[in-house]
Amino acid sequence: MDPQAMAYLGAGLGAGLIALGAGLGIGRLAGPAMEGTARQPEATNDIRTTMMIGAAFIEGVALFGLVIAFLLVIK
């Protein structure tokens, strides 16, 4: 098979898995944060701050993965 076609296939699969992983990570982060806010409304600001930091790390890792997937295509 053509190496360029394999690069496109790998980049497409990689981008899809990255989006799936980031979505699952954000979902697993936001659900318990909402539960914690519902149980302790007075801790909303602390929970929100911690959640935003975690979400930023998840999105950062997803962005790095997407850049690697694109590098496969232009290689």
PDB file of N, CA and C in Angstrom:
ATOM      1  N   MET A   1       0.836  -1.175   0.000  1.00  0.00           N
ATOM      2  CA  MET A   1       0.000   0.000   0.000  1.00  0.00           C
ATOM      3  C   MET A   1       0.882   1.241   0.000  1.00  0.00           C
ATOM      4  N   ASP A   2       0.356   2.302  -0.551  1.00  0.00           N
ATOM      5  CA  ASP A   2       1.089   3.557  -0.671  1.00  0.00           C
ATOM      6  C   ASP A   2       1.388   4.153   0.708  1.00  0.00           C
ATOM      7  N   PRO A   3       2.650   4.547   0.953  1.00  0.00           N
ATOM      8  CA  PRO A   3       2.973   5.109   2.280  1.00  0.00           C
ATOM      9  C   PRO A   3       2.194   6.385   2.596  1.00  0.00           C
ATOM     10  N   GLN A   4       1.926   7.193   1.578  1.00  0.00           N
ATOM     11  CA  GLN A   4       1.161   8.424   1.826  1.00  0.00           C
ATOM     12  C   GLN A   4      -0.278   8.100   2.233  1.00  0.00           C
ATOM     13  N   ALA A   5      -0.846   7.069   1.628  1.00  0.00           N
ATOM     14  CA  ALA A   5      -2.202   6.658   2.001  1.00  0.00           C
ATOM     15  C   ALA A   5      -2.228   6.152   3.440  1.00  0.00           C
ATOM     16  N   MET A   6      -1.194   5.433   3.828  1.00  0.00           N
ATOM     17  CA  MET A   6      -1.128   4.949   5.211  1.00  0.00           C
ATOM     18  C   MET A   6      -0.988   6.117   6.185  1.00  0.00           C
ATOM     19  N   ALA A   7      -0.263   7.168   5.771  1.00  0.00           N
ATOM     20  CA  ALA A   7      -0.123   8.354   6.618  1.00  0.00           C
ATOM     21  C   ALA A   7      -1.468   9.038   6.800  1.00  0.00           C
ATOM     22  N   TYR A   8      -2.249   9.155   5.721  1.00  0.00           N
ATOM     23  CA  TYR A   8      -3.583   9.745   5.819  1.00  0.00           C
ATOM     24  C   TYR A   8      -4.485   8.905   6.717  1.00  0.00           C
ATOM     25  N   LEU A   9      -4.406   7.601   6.563  1.00  0.00           N
ATOM     26  CA  LEU A   9      -5.210   6.711   7.394  1.00  0.00           C
ATOM     27  C   LEU A   9      -4.822   6.839   8.868  1.00  0.00           C
ATOM     28  N   GLY A  10      -3.538   6.848   9.144  1.00  0.00           N
ATOM     29  CA  GLY A  10      -3.064   6.999  10.519  1.00  0.00           C
ATOM     30  C   GLY A  10      -3.452   8.340  11.119  1.00  0.00           C
ATOM     31  N   ALA A  11      -3.352   9.401  10.320  1.00  0.00           N
ATOM     32  CA  ALA A  11      -3.720  10.726  10.818  1.00  0.00           C
ATOM     33  C   ALA A  11      -5.221  10.807  11.086  1.00  0.00           C
ATOM     34  N   GLY A  12      -6.013  10.224  10.215  1.00  0.00           N
ATOM     35  CA  GLY A  12      -7.457  10.237  10.417  1.00  0.00           C
ATOM     36  C   GLY A  12      -7.866   9.440  11.643  1.00  0.00           C
ATOM     37  N   LEU A  13      -7.291   8.250  11.788  1.00  0.00           N
ATOM     38  CA  LEU A  13      -7.591   7.447  12.980  1.00  0.00           C
ATOM     39  C   LEU A  13      -7.096   8.135  14.252  1.00  0.00           C
ATOM     40  N   GLY A  14      -5.919   8.709  14.175  1.00  0.00           N
ATOM     41  CA  GLY A  14      -5.365   9.408  15.328  1.00  0.00           C
ATOM     42  C   GLY A  14      -6.219  10.600  15.741  1.00  0.00           C
ATOM     43  N   ALA A  15      -6.662  11.396  14.764  1.00  0.00           N
ATOM     44  CA  ALA A  15      -7.493  12.561  15.085  1.00  0.00           C
ATOM     45  C   ALA A  15      -8.825  12.125  15.687  1.00  0.00           C
ATOM     46  N   GLY A  16      -9.385  11.048  15.166  1.00  0.00           N
ATOM     47  CA  GLY A  16     -10.640  10.545  15.724  1.00  0.00           C
ATOM     48  C   GLY A  16     -10.486  10.048  17.147  1.00  0.00           C
ATOM     49  N   LEU A  17      -9.420   9.302  17.393  1.00  0.00           N
ATOM     50  CA  LEU A  17      -9.184   8.799  18.749  1.00  0.00           C
ATOM     51  C   LEU A  17      -8.869   9.936  19.721  1.00  0.00           C
ATOM     52  N   ILE A  18      -8.187  10.946  19.233  1.00  0.00           N
ATOM     53  CA  ILE A  18      -7.881  12.109  20.072  1.00  0.00           C
ATOM     54  C   ILE A  18      -9.166  12.821  20.469  1.00  0.00           C
ATOM     55  N   ALA A  19     -10.058  13.028  19.512  1.00  0.00           N
ATOM     56  CA  ALA A  19     -11.332  13.697  19.811  1.00  0.00           C
ATOM     57  C   ALA A  19     -12.163  12.860  20.776  1.00  0.00           C
ATOM     58  N   LEU A  20     -12.171  11.547  20.570  1.00  0.00           N
ATOM     59  CA  LEU A  20     -12.918  10.655  21.460  1.00  0.00           C
ATOM     60  C   LEU A  20     -12.344  10.703  22.879  1.00  0.00           C
ATOM     61  N   GLY A  21     -11.033  10.620  22.986  1.00  0.00           N
ATOM     62  CA  GLY A  21     -10.391  10.655  24.298  1.00  0.00           C
ATOM     63  C   GLY A  21     -10.600  11.977  25.020  1.00  0.00           C
ATOM     64  N   ALA A  22     -10.495  13.078  24.289  1.00  0.00           N
ATOM     65  CA  ALA A  22     -10.701  14.383  24.924  1.00  0.00           C
ATOM     66  C   ALA A  22     -12.150  14.542  25.375  1.00  0.00           C
ATOM     67  N   GLY A  23     -13.085  14.082  24.562  1.00  0.00           N
ATOM     68  CA  GLY A  23     -14.493  14.167  24.947  1.00  0.00           C
ATOM     69  C   GLY A  23     -14.799  13.337  26.179  1.00  0.00           C
ATOM     70  N   LEU A  24     -14.263  12.126  26.219  1.00  0.00           N
ATOM     71  CA  LEU A  24     -14.460  11.282  27.397  1.00  0.00           C
ATOM     72  C   LEU A  24     -13.802  11.891  28.637  1.00  0.00           C
ATOM     73  N   GLY A  25     -12.617  12.441  28.459  1.00  0.00           N
ATOM     74  CA  GLY A  25     -11.925  13.056  29.594  1.00  0.00           C
ATOM     75  C   GLY A  25     -12.680  14.246  30.153  1.00  0.00           C
ATOM     76  N   ILE A  26     -13.188  15.110  29.282  1.00  0.00           N
ATOM     77  CA  ILE A  26     -13.954  16.265  29.735  1.00  0.00           C
ATOM     78  C   ILE A  26     -15.250  15.809  30.399  1.00  0.00           C
ATOM     79  N   GLY A  27     -15.878  14.782  29.841  1.00  0.00           N
ATOM     80  CA  GLY A  27     -17.107  14.262  30.430  1.00  0.00           C
ATOM     81  C   GLY A  27     -16.884  13.680  31.814  1.00  0.00           C
ATOM     82  N   ARG A  28     -15.794  12.929  31.954  1.00  0.00           N
ATOM     83  CA  ARG A  28     -15.489  12.345  33.265  1.00  0.00           C
ATOM     84  C   ARG A  28     -15.074  13.420  34.266  1.00  0.00           C
ATOM     85  N   LEU A  29     -14.630  14.543  33.794  1.00  0.00           N
ATOM     86  CA  LEU A  29     -14.259  15.642  34.676  1.00  0.00           C
ATOM     87  C   LEU A  29     -15.481  16.473  35.065  1.00  0.00           C
ATOM     88  N   ALA A  30     -16.340  16.756  34.105  1.00  0.00           N
ATOM     89  CA  ALA A  30     -17.468  17.658  34.349  1.00  0.00           C
ATOM     90  C   ALA A  30     -18.571  17.000  35.179  1.00  0.00           C
ATOM     91  N   GLY A  31     -18.804  15.710  34.984  1.00  0.00           N
ATOM     92  CA  GLY A  31     -19.865  15.032  35.727  1.00  0.00           C
ATOM     93  C   GLY A  31     -19.670  15.094  37.239  1.00  0.00           C
ATOM     94  N   PRO A  32     -18.531  14.620  37.733  1.00  0.00           N
ATOM     95  CA  PRO A  32     -18.304  14.724  39.186  1.00  0.00           C
ATOM     96  C   PRO A  32     -18.233  16.166  39.697  1.00  0.00           C
ATOM     97  N   ALA A  33     -17.791  17.091  38.843  1.00  0.00           N
ATOM     98  CA  ALA A  33     -17.766  18.491  39.265  1.00  0.00           C
ATOM     99  C   ALA A  33     -19.190  19.006  39.468  1.00  0.00           C
ATOM    100  N   MET A  34     -20.096  18.616  38.575  1.00  0.00           N
ATOM    101  CA  MET A  34     -21.494  19.016  38.748  1.00  0.00           C
ATOM    102  C   MET A  34     -22.103  18.382  39.996  1.00  0.00           C
ATOM    103  N   GLU A  35     -21.772  17.115  40.233  1.00  0.00           N
ATOM    104  CA  GLU A  35     -22.265  16.458  41.445  1.00  0.00           C
ATOM    105  C   GLU A  35     -21.737  17.156  42.705  1.00  0.00           C
ATOM    106  N   GLY A  36     -20.466  17.496  42.691  1.00  0.00           N
ATOM    107  CA  GLY A  36     -19.880  18.186  43.837  1.00  0.00           C
ATOM    108  C   GLY A  36     -20.500  19.546  44.062  1.00  0.00           C
ATOM    109  N   THR A  37     -20.801  20.252  42.983  1.00  0.00           N
ATOM    110  CA  THR A  37     -21.451  21.551  43.101  1.00  0.00           C
ATOM    111  C   THR A  37     -22.864  21.403  43.646  1.00  0.00           C
ATOM    112  N   ALA A  38     -23.555  20.339  43.197  1.00  0.00           N
ATOM    113  CA  ALA A  38     -24.918  20.119  43.689  1.00  0.00           C
ATOM    114  C   ALA A  38     -24.916  19.745  45.170  1.00  0.00           C
ATOM    115  N   ARG A  39     -23.913  19.015  45.603  1.00  0.00           N
ATOM    116  CA  ARG A  39     -23.870  18.597  47.008  1.00  0.00           C
ATOM    117  C   ARG A  39     -23.385  19.703  47.938  1.00  0.00           C
ATOM    118  N   GLN A  40     -22.445  20.511  47.431  1.00  0.00           N
ATOM    119  CA  GLN A  40     -21.889  21.594  48.260  1.00  0.00           C
ATOM    120  C   GLN A  40     -21.857  22.890  47.453  1.00  0.00           C
ATOM    121  N   PRO A  41     -22.969  23.593  47.378  1.00  0.00           N
ATOM    122  CA  PRO A  41     -23.013  24.833  46.575  1.00  0.00           C
ATOM    123  C   PRO A  41     -22.007  25.888  47.031  1.00  0.00           C
ATOM    124  N   GLU A  42     -21.632  25.851  48.303  1.00  0.00           N
ATOM    125  CA  GLU A  42     -20.684  26.868  48.787  1.00  0.00           C
ATOM    126  C   GLU A  42     -19.275  26.650  48.241  1.00  0.00           C
ATOM    127  N   ALA A  43     -18.994  25.476  47.712  1.00  0.00           N
ATOM    128  CA  ALA A  43     -17.660  25.183  47.162  1.00  0.00           C
ATOM    129  C   ALA A  43     -17.617  25.324  45.643  1.00  0.00           C
ATOM    130  N   THR A  44     -18.619  25.971  45.065  1.00  0.00           N
ATOM    131  CA  THR A  44     -18.723  26.075  43.602  1.00  0.00           C
ATOM    132  C   THR A  44     -17.495  26.713  42.976  1.00  0.00           C
ATOM    133  N   ASN A  45     -17.001  27.790  43.541  1.00  0.00           N
ATOM    134  CA  ASN A  45     -15.851  28.480  42.937  1.00  0.00           C
ATOM    135  C   ASN A  45     -14.595  27.616  42.958  1.00  0.00           C
ATOM    136  N   ASP A  46     -14.348  26.926  44.047  1.00  0.00           N
ATOM    137  CA  ASP A  46     -13.175  26.047  44.125  1.00  0.00           C
ATOM    138  C   ASP A  46     -13.291  24.892  43.140  1.00  0.00           C
ATOM    139  N   ILE A  47     -14.477  24.308  43.058  1.00  0.00           N
ATOM    140  CA  ILE A  47     -14.682  23.183  42.150  1.00  0.00           C
ATOM    141  C   ILE A  47     -14.527  23.641  40.705  1.00  0.00           C
ATOM    142  N   ARG A  48     -15.099  24.805  40.375  1.00  0.00           N
ATOM    143  CA  ARG A  48     -15.021  25.321  39.009  1.00  0.00           C
ATOM    144  C   ARG A  48     -13.569  25.615  38.622  1.00  0.00           C
ATOM    145  N   THR A  49     -12.811  26.203  39.536  1.00  0.00           N
ATOM    146  CA  THR A  49     -11.412  26.510  39.244  1.00  0.00           C
ATOM    147  C   THR A  49     -10.613  25.241  38.981  1.00  0.00           C
ATOM    148  N   THR A  50     -10.794  24.247  39.828  1.00  0.00           N
ATOM    149  CA  THR A  50     -10.087  22.975  39.650  1.00  0.00           C
ATOM    150  C   THR A  50     -10.505  22.291  38.357  1.00  0.00           C
ATOM    151  N   MET A  51     -11.798  22.353  38.038  1.00  0.00           N
ATOM    152  CA  MET A  51     -12.290  21.740  36.812  1.00  0.00           C
ATOM    153  C   MET A  51     -11.701  22.424  35.574  1.00  0.00           C
ATOM    154  N   MET A  52     -11.608  23.741  35.593  1.00  0.00           N
ATOM    155  CA  MET A  52     -11.069  24.470  34.439  1.00  0.00           C
ATOM    156  C   MET A  52      -9.590  24.160  34.231  1.00  0.00           C
ATOM    157  N   ILE A  53      -8.840  24.007  35.301  1.00  0.00           N
ATOM    158  CA  ILE A  53      -7.427  23.648  35.170  1.00  0.00           C
ATOM    159  C   ILE A  53      -7.297  22.256  34.573  1.00  0.00           C
ATOM    160  N   GLY A  54      -8.084  21.312  35.057  1.00  0.00           N
ATOM    161  CA  GLY A  54      -8.066  19.959  34.500  1.00  0.00           C
ATOM    162  C   GLY A  54      -8.493  19.930  33.045  1.00  0.00           C
ATOM    163  N   ALA A  55      -9.527  20.703  32.705  1.00  0.00           N
ATOM    164  CA  ALA A  55      -9.990  20.758  31.311  1.00  0.00           C
ATOM    165  C   ALA A  55      -8.916  21.348  30.402  1.00  0.00           C
ATOM    166  N   ALA A  56      -8.193  22.324  30.894  1.00  0.00           N
ATOM    167  CA  ALA A  56      -7.114  22.915  30.088  1.00  0.00           C
ATOM    168  C   ALA A  56      -6.011  21.894  29.822  1.00  0.00           C
ATOM    169  N   PHE A  57      -5.675  21.090  30.826  1.00  0.00           N
ATOM    170  CA  PHE A  57      -4.662  20.055  30.617  1.00  0.00           C
ATOM    171  C   PHE A  57      -5.142  19.009  29.615  1.00  0.00           C
ATOM    172  N   ILE A  58      -6.400  18.610  29.698  1.00  0.00           N
ATOM    173  CA  ILE A  58      -6.943  17.623  28.764  1.00  0.00           C
ATOM    174  C   ILE A  58      -6.917  18.174  27.348  1.00  0.00           C
ATOM    175  N   GLU A  59      -7.355  19.407  27.175  1.00  0.00           N
ATOM    176  CA  GLU A  59      -7.361  20.005  25.842  1.00  0.00           C
ATOM    177  C   GLU A  59      -5.939  20.220  25.317  1.00  0.00           C
ATOM    178  N   GLY A  60      -5.006  20.521  26.214  1.00  0.00           N
ATOM    179  CA  GLY A  60      -3.614  20.678  25.785  1.00  0.00           C
ATOM    180  C   GLY A  60      -3.038  19.380  25.249  1.00  0.00           C
ATOM    181  N   VAL A  61      -3.301  18.287  25.940  1.00  0.00           N
ATOM    182  CA  VAL A  61      -2.832  16.980  25.468  1.00  0.00           C
ATOM    183  C   VAL A  61      -3.499  16.634  24.145  1.00  0.00           C
ATOM    184  N   ALA A  62      -4.784  16.951  24.004  1.00  0.00           N
ATOM    185  CA  ALA A  62      -5.490  16.691  22.751  1.00  0.00           C
ATOM    186  C   ALA A  62      -4.886  17.516  21.612  1.00  0.00           C
ATOM    187  N   LEU A  63      -4.513  18.741  21.897  1.00  0.00           N
ATOM    188  CA  LEU A  63      -3.900  19.586  20.867  1.00  0.00           C
ATOM    189  C   LEU A  63      -2.547  19.030  20.429  1.00  0.00           C
ATOM    190  N   PHE A  64      -1.737  18.556  21.383  1.00  0.00           N
ATOM    191  CA  PHE A  64      -0.465  17.950  21.028  1.00  0.00           C
ATOM    192  C   PHE A  64      -0.677  16.716  20.145  1.00  0.00           C
ATOM    193  N   GLY A  65      -1.655  15.898  20.485  1.00  0.00           N
ATOM    194  CA  GLY A  65      -1.958  14.720  19.686  1.00  0.00           C
ATOM    195  C   GLY A  65      -2.403  15.084  18.288  1.00  0.00           C
ATOM    196  N   LEU A  66      -3.205  16.150  18.163  1.00  0.00           N
ATOM    197  CA  LEU A  66      -3.665  16.585  16.851  1.00  0.00           C
ATOM    198  C   LEU A  66      -2.509  17.094  15.997  1.00  0.00           C
ATOM    199  N   VAL A  67      -1.584  17.806  16.612  1.00  0.00           N
ATOM    200  CA  VAL A  67      -0.395  18.282  15.877  1.00  0.00           C
ATOM    201  C   VAL A  67       0.425  17.087  15.375  1.00  0.00           C
ATOM    202  N   ILE A  68       0.568  16.064  16.201  1.00  0.00           N
ATOM    203  CA  ILE A  68       1.301  14.866  15.773  1.00  0.00           C
ATOM    204  C   ILE A  68       0.581  14.189  14.625  1.00  0.00           C
ATOM    205  N   ALA A  69      -0.754  14.123  14.677  1.00  0.00           N
ATOM    206  CA  ALA A  69      -1.521  13.522  13.580  1.00  0.00           C
ATOM    207  C   ALA A  69      -1.319  14.309  12.295  1.00  0.00           C
ATOM    208  N   PHE A  70      -1.308  15.639  12.379  1.00  0.00           N
ATOM    209  CA  PHE A  70      -1.071  16.429  11.187  1.00  0.00           C
ATOM    210  C   PHE A  70       0.354  16.279  10.672  1.00  0.00           C
ATOM    211  N   LEU A  71       1.307  16.111  11.582  1.00  0.00           N
ATOM    212  CA  LEU A  71       2.700  15.895  11.147  1.00  0.00           C
ATOM    213  C   LEU A  71       2.855  14.600  10.377  1.00  0.00           C
ATOM    214  N   LEU A  72       2.031  13.605  10.689  1.00  0.00           N
ATOM    215  CA  LEU A  72       2.058  12.361   9.915  1.00  0.00           C
ATOM    216  C   LEU A  72       1.699  12.615   8.458  1.00  0.00           C
ATOM    217  N   VAL A  73       0.766  13.519   8.227  1.00  0.00           N
ATOM    218  CA  VAL A  73       0.296  13.797   6.856  1.00  0.00           C
ATOM    219  C   VAL A  73       1.353  14.566   6.077  1.00  0.00           C
ATOM    220  N   ILE A  74       1.976  15.562   6.673  1.00  0.00           N
ATOM    221  CA  ILE A  74       2.899  16.397   5.908  1.00  0.00           C
ATOM    222  C   ILE A  74       4.303  15.834   5.848  1.00  0.00           C
ATOM    223  N   LYS A  75       4.541  14.710   6.523  1.00  0.00           N
ATOM    224  CA  LYS A  75       5.876  14.108   6.513  1.00  0.00           C
ATOM    225  C   LYS A  75       6.269  13.657   5.132  1.00  0.00           C
TER     226      LYS A  75
END
